[in-house]
Amino acid sequence: SVRTDRIPLKDLELPDQVTLKVSDISLRQFFMDTPLPTFKIDGRMGGIIPLIKRGKTLEIKDALLQSQDPGVIMLPDSISQMLFAGDDPQMKAMRTALKNYHYEFFEFRMDGSVSKGVLMTLNSRGMNPDLKDKRPIEINLQIETQPSFLVEHMLSTKAYQSIKN
């Protein structure tokens, strides 16, 4: 669900700041309809997404989405090779971990402009049970991306289409 506090409309204008409160987002359902190659992801996320209007731009400020329960990410080699290219030990370890990554904690932090780009910071703690040493694996990444594809995807999902119609 996505909620917000009551929004006061002055002259039918949205306020300069709105905070979206997100809960029970199924990662499997969210990514099911994307044009991304097949991969497995399970778990639920929730949090807050503060949106700030500055002139004609919309910014995301100090957004935080966190896992609501443990989950699993299984990336096939085709995706992990693309995302974590290279032969250095860190990239190889990342690809190996994400073949069957069981996370206990997962979070996204976001800051930036919806139209120009958002800095996403991903932090996660988990393990790959297929590895012999069963050691904990922490993932910390920063990615600058255009969030518009996520917004477009949310607005094109079957759930949104059924509400809209």
Protein backbone atom coordinates (compact mmCIF):
# COMPACT_ATOMS: atom_id res chain seq x y z
CA SER A 1 0.00 0.00 0.00
CA VAL A 2 0.99 3.60 -0.56
CA ARG A 3 -0.53 6.18 1.77
CA THR A 4 -0.02 9.79 2.71
CA ASP A 5 -1.33 12.04 5.43
CA ARG A 6 -4.26 14.23 4.52
CA ILE A 7 -3.12 16.64 1.83
CA PRO A 8 -4.43 20.20 2.16
CA LEU A 9 -5.29 21.59 -1.28
CA LYS A 10 -5.02 25.34 -1.51
CA ASP A 11 -6.47 26.61 -4.79
CA LEU A 12 -6.33 22.97 -6.02
CA GLU A 13 -2.49 23.02 -5.84
CA LEU A 14 -0.55 20.21 -4.23
CA PRO A 15 1.67 21.24 -1.31
CA ASP A 16 5.41 21.62 -1.84
CA GLN A 17 6.09 18.51 0.24
CA VAL A 18 4.30 15.15 0.47
CA THR A 19 5.55 12.04 2.24
CA LEU A 20 4.48 8.69 0.83
CA LYS A 21 4.21 5.92 3.39
CA VAL A 22 4.84 2.59 1.72
CA SER A 23 4.15 -0.83 3.24
CA ASP A 24 3.85 -4.46 2.21
CA ILE A 25 5.36 -4.00 -1.25
CA SER A 26 5.89 -7.51 -2.61
CA LEU A 27 9.24 -7.48 -4.40
CA ARG A 28 8.19 -10.51 -6.45
CA GLN A 29 5.02 -8.78 -7.66
CA PHE A 30 6.79 -5.47 -8.25
CA PHE A 31 9.47 -6.97 -10.50
CA MET A 32 7.18 -9.56 -12.14
CA ASP A 33 6.03 -7.26 -14.92
CA THR A 34 9.33 -5.47 -15.59
CA PRO A 35 11.19 -5.91 -18.85
CA LEU A 36 14.16 -7.29 -16.89
CA PRO A 37 15.35 -10.84 -17.65
CA THR A 38 14.00 -13.55 -15.37
CA PHE A 39 15.35 -13.59 -11.84
CA LYS A 40 13.90 -14.60 -8.50
CA ILE A 41 13.28 -12.17 -5.66
CA ASP A 42 11.11 -12.70 -2.60
CA GLY A 43 10.36 -10.44 0.34
CA ARG A 44 8.38 -7.36 1.31
CA MET A 45 9.50 -3.76 1.78
CA GLY A 46 8.10 -0.63 3.33
CA GLY A 47 9.18 2.83 4.39
CA ILE A 48 8.83 6.48 3.50
CA ILE A 49 9.42 8.49 0.34
CA PRO A 50 9.41 12.27 0.94
CA LEU A 51 8.65 14.16 -2.29
CA ILE A 52 9.51 17.85 -2.52
CA LYS A 53 8.37 20.15 -5.31
CA ARG A 54 10.97 22.79 -6.23
CA GLY A 55 9.69 24.89 -9.06
CA LYS A 56 8.95 22.45 -11.87
CA THR A 57 11.14 19.65 -10.49
CA LEU A 58 10.22 16.87 -8.09
CA GLU A 59 12.88 15.70 -5.64
CA ILE A 60 13.15 12.68 -3.39
CA LYS A 61 14.74 13.60 -0.05
CA ASP A 62 15.94 11.07 2.54
CA ALA A 63 13.71 8.24 1.28
CA LEU A 64 14.11 4.94 3.10
CA LEU A 65 12.64 1.58 2.07
CA GLN A 66 13.48 -1.42 4.27
CA SER A 67 12.75 -5.11 4.23
CA GLN A 68 9.81 -6.06 6.41
CA ASP A 69 10.93 -9.67 6.64
CA PRO A 70 13.79 -11.86 5.40
CA GLY A 71 13.90 -12.67 1.71
CA VAL A 72 15.83 -14.24 -1.16
CA ILE A 73 17.46 -12.84 -4.30
CA MET A 74 18.61 -15.25 -7.03
CA LEU A 75 20.31 -13.54 -9.97
CA PRO A 76 21.21 -15.61 -13.02
CA ASP A 77 24.70 -15.18 -14.45
CA SER A 78 23.35 -13.10 -17.36
CA ILE A 79 22.18 -10.34 -14.99
CA SER A 80 25.00 -10.51 -12.43
CA GLN A 81 27.65 -10.39 -15.20
CA MET A 82 26.01 -7.24 -16.54
CA LEU A 83 25.61 -5.55 -13.13
CA PHE A 84 28.92 -6.65 -11.61
CA ALA A 85 31.26 -6.93 -14.59
CA GLY A 86 34.94 -7.64 -14.23
CA ASP A 87 37.30 -10.29 -13.00
CA ASP A 88 38.48 -8.69 -9.78
CA PRO A 89 37.81 -10.68 -6.58
CA GLN A 90 35.10 -8.29 -5.31
CA MET A 91 33.00 -8.59 -8.48
CA LYS A 92 33.40 -12.38 -8.57
CA ALA A 93 32.38 -12.62 -4.90
CA MET A 94 29.33 -10.40 -5.54
CA ARG A 95 28.19 -12.57 -8.46
CA THR A 96 28.67 -15.75 -6.43
CA ALA A 97 26.79 -14.36 -3.41
CA LEU A 98 23.82 -13.19 -5.49
CA LYS A 99 23.25 -16.58 -7.11
CA ASN A 100 21.31 -17.54 -3.96
CA TYR A 101 21.39 -14.61 -1.50
CA HIS A 102 19.23 -15.03 1.61
CA TYR A 103 19.00 -11.62 3.23
CA GLU A 104 17.93 -10.89 6.77
CA PHE A 105 18.03 -7.13 6.23
CA PHE A 106 17.77 -5.04 3.06
CA GLU A 107 17.36 -1.29 2.62
CA PHE A 108 17.32 1.37 -0.09
CA ARG A 109 18.05 5.02 0.64
CA MET A 110 17.28 7.56 -2.09
CA ASP A 111 18.07 11.24 -2.66
CA GLY A 112 17.88 13.35 -5.79
CA SER A 113 15.75 14.66 -8.61
CA VAL A 114 13.12 12.44 -10.20
CA SER A 115 13.91 13.86 -13.66
CA LYS A 116 17.70 14.26 -13.39
CA GLY A 117 18.74 11.26 -11.32
CA VAL A 118 18.62 9.80 -7.85
CA LEU A 119 21.48 8.45 -5.77
CA MET A 120 20.37 5.07 -4.41
CA THR A 121 22.29 3.48 -1.57
CA LEU A 122 21.65 -0.21 -1.01
CA ASN A 123 22.65 -1.94 2.22
CA SER A 124 22.00 -5.59 2.92
CA ARG A 125 23.07 -8.34 5.29
CA GLY A 126 22.63 -12.03 4.52
CA MET A 127 24.33 -15.18 3.30
CA ASN A 128 24.46 -17.69 0.47
CA PRO A 129 23.69 -21.13 1.96
CA ASP A 130 25.36 -22.80 -1.04
CA LEU A 131 28.80 -21.49 -0.01
CA LYS A 132 30.91 -23.86 2.07
CA ASP A 133 31.89 -21.38 4.79
CA LYS A 134 28.33 -19.98 5.33
CA ARG A 135 29.85 -16.64 6.30
CA PRO A 136 27.70 -13.51 6.56
CA ILE A 137 27.73 -11.29 3.48
CA GLU A 138 27.17 -7.55 3.65
CA ILE A 139 26.37 -5.67 0.47
CA ASN A 140 26.82 -1.89 0.29
CA LEU A 141 26.33 -0.22 -3.09
CA GLN A 142 25.70 3.27 -4.40
CA ILE A 143 24.02 3.66 -7.77
CA GLU A 144 22.93 6.80 -9.56
CA THR A 145 19.82 6.08 -11.61
CA GLN A 146 16.74 7.54 -13.21
CA PRO A 147 13.79 6.61 -10.98
CA SER A 148 11.30 7.39 -13.74
CA PHE A 149 11.32 3.77 -14.92
CA LEU A 150 10.18 2.67 -11.44
CA VAL A 151 7.38 5.23 -11.37
CA GLU A 152 6.32 4.31 -14.90
CA HIS A 153 6.37 0.64 -13.93
CA MET A 154 4.26 1.24 -10.81
CA LEU A 155 1.70 3.11 -12.91
CA SER A 156 1.57 0.35 -15.51
CA THR A 157 1.21 -2.60 -13.14
CA LYS A 158 -1.88 -4.76 -13.28
CA ALA A 159 -2.87 -3.67 -9.75
CA TYR A 160 -2.80 0.02 -10.66
CA GLN A 161 -4.60 -0.62 -13.95
CA SER A 162 -7.42 -2.42 -12.14
CA ILE A 163 -7.83 0.50 -9.71
CA LYS A 164 -7.68 3.02 -12.53
CA ASN A 165 -10.32 1.24 -14.61
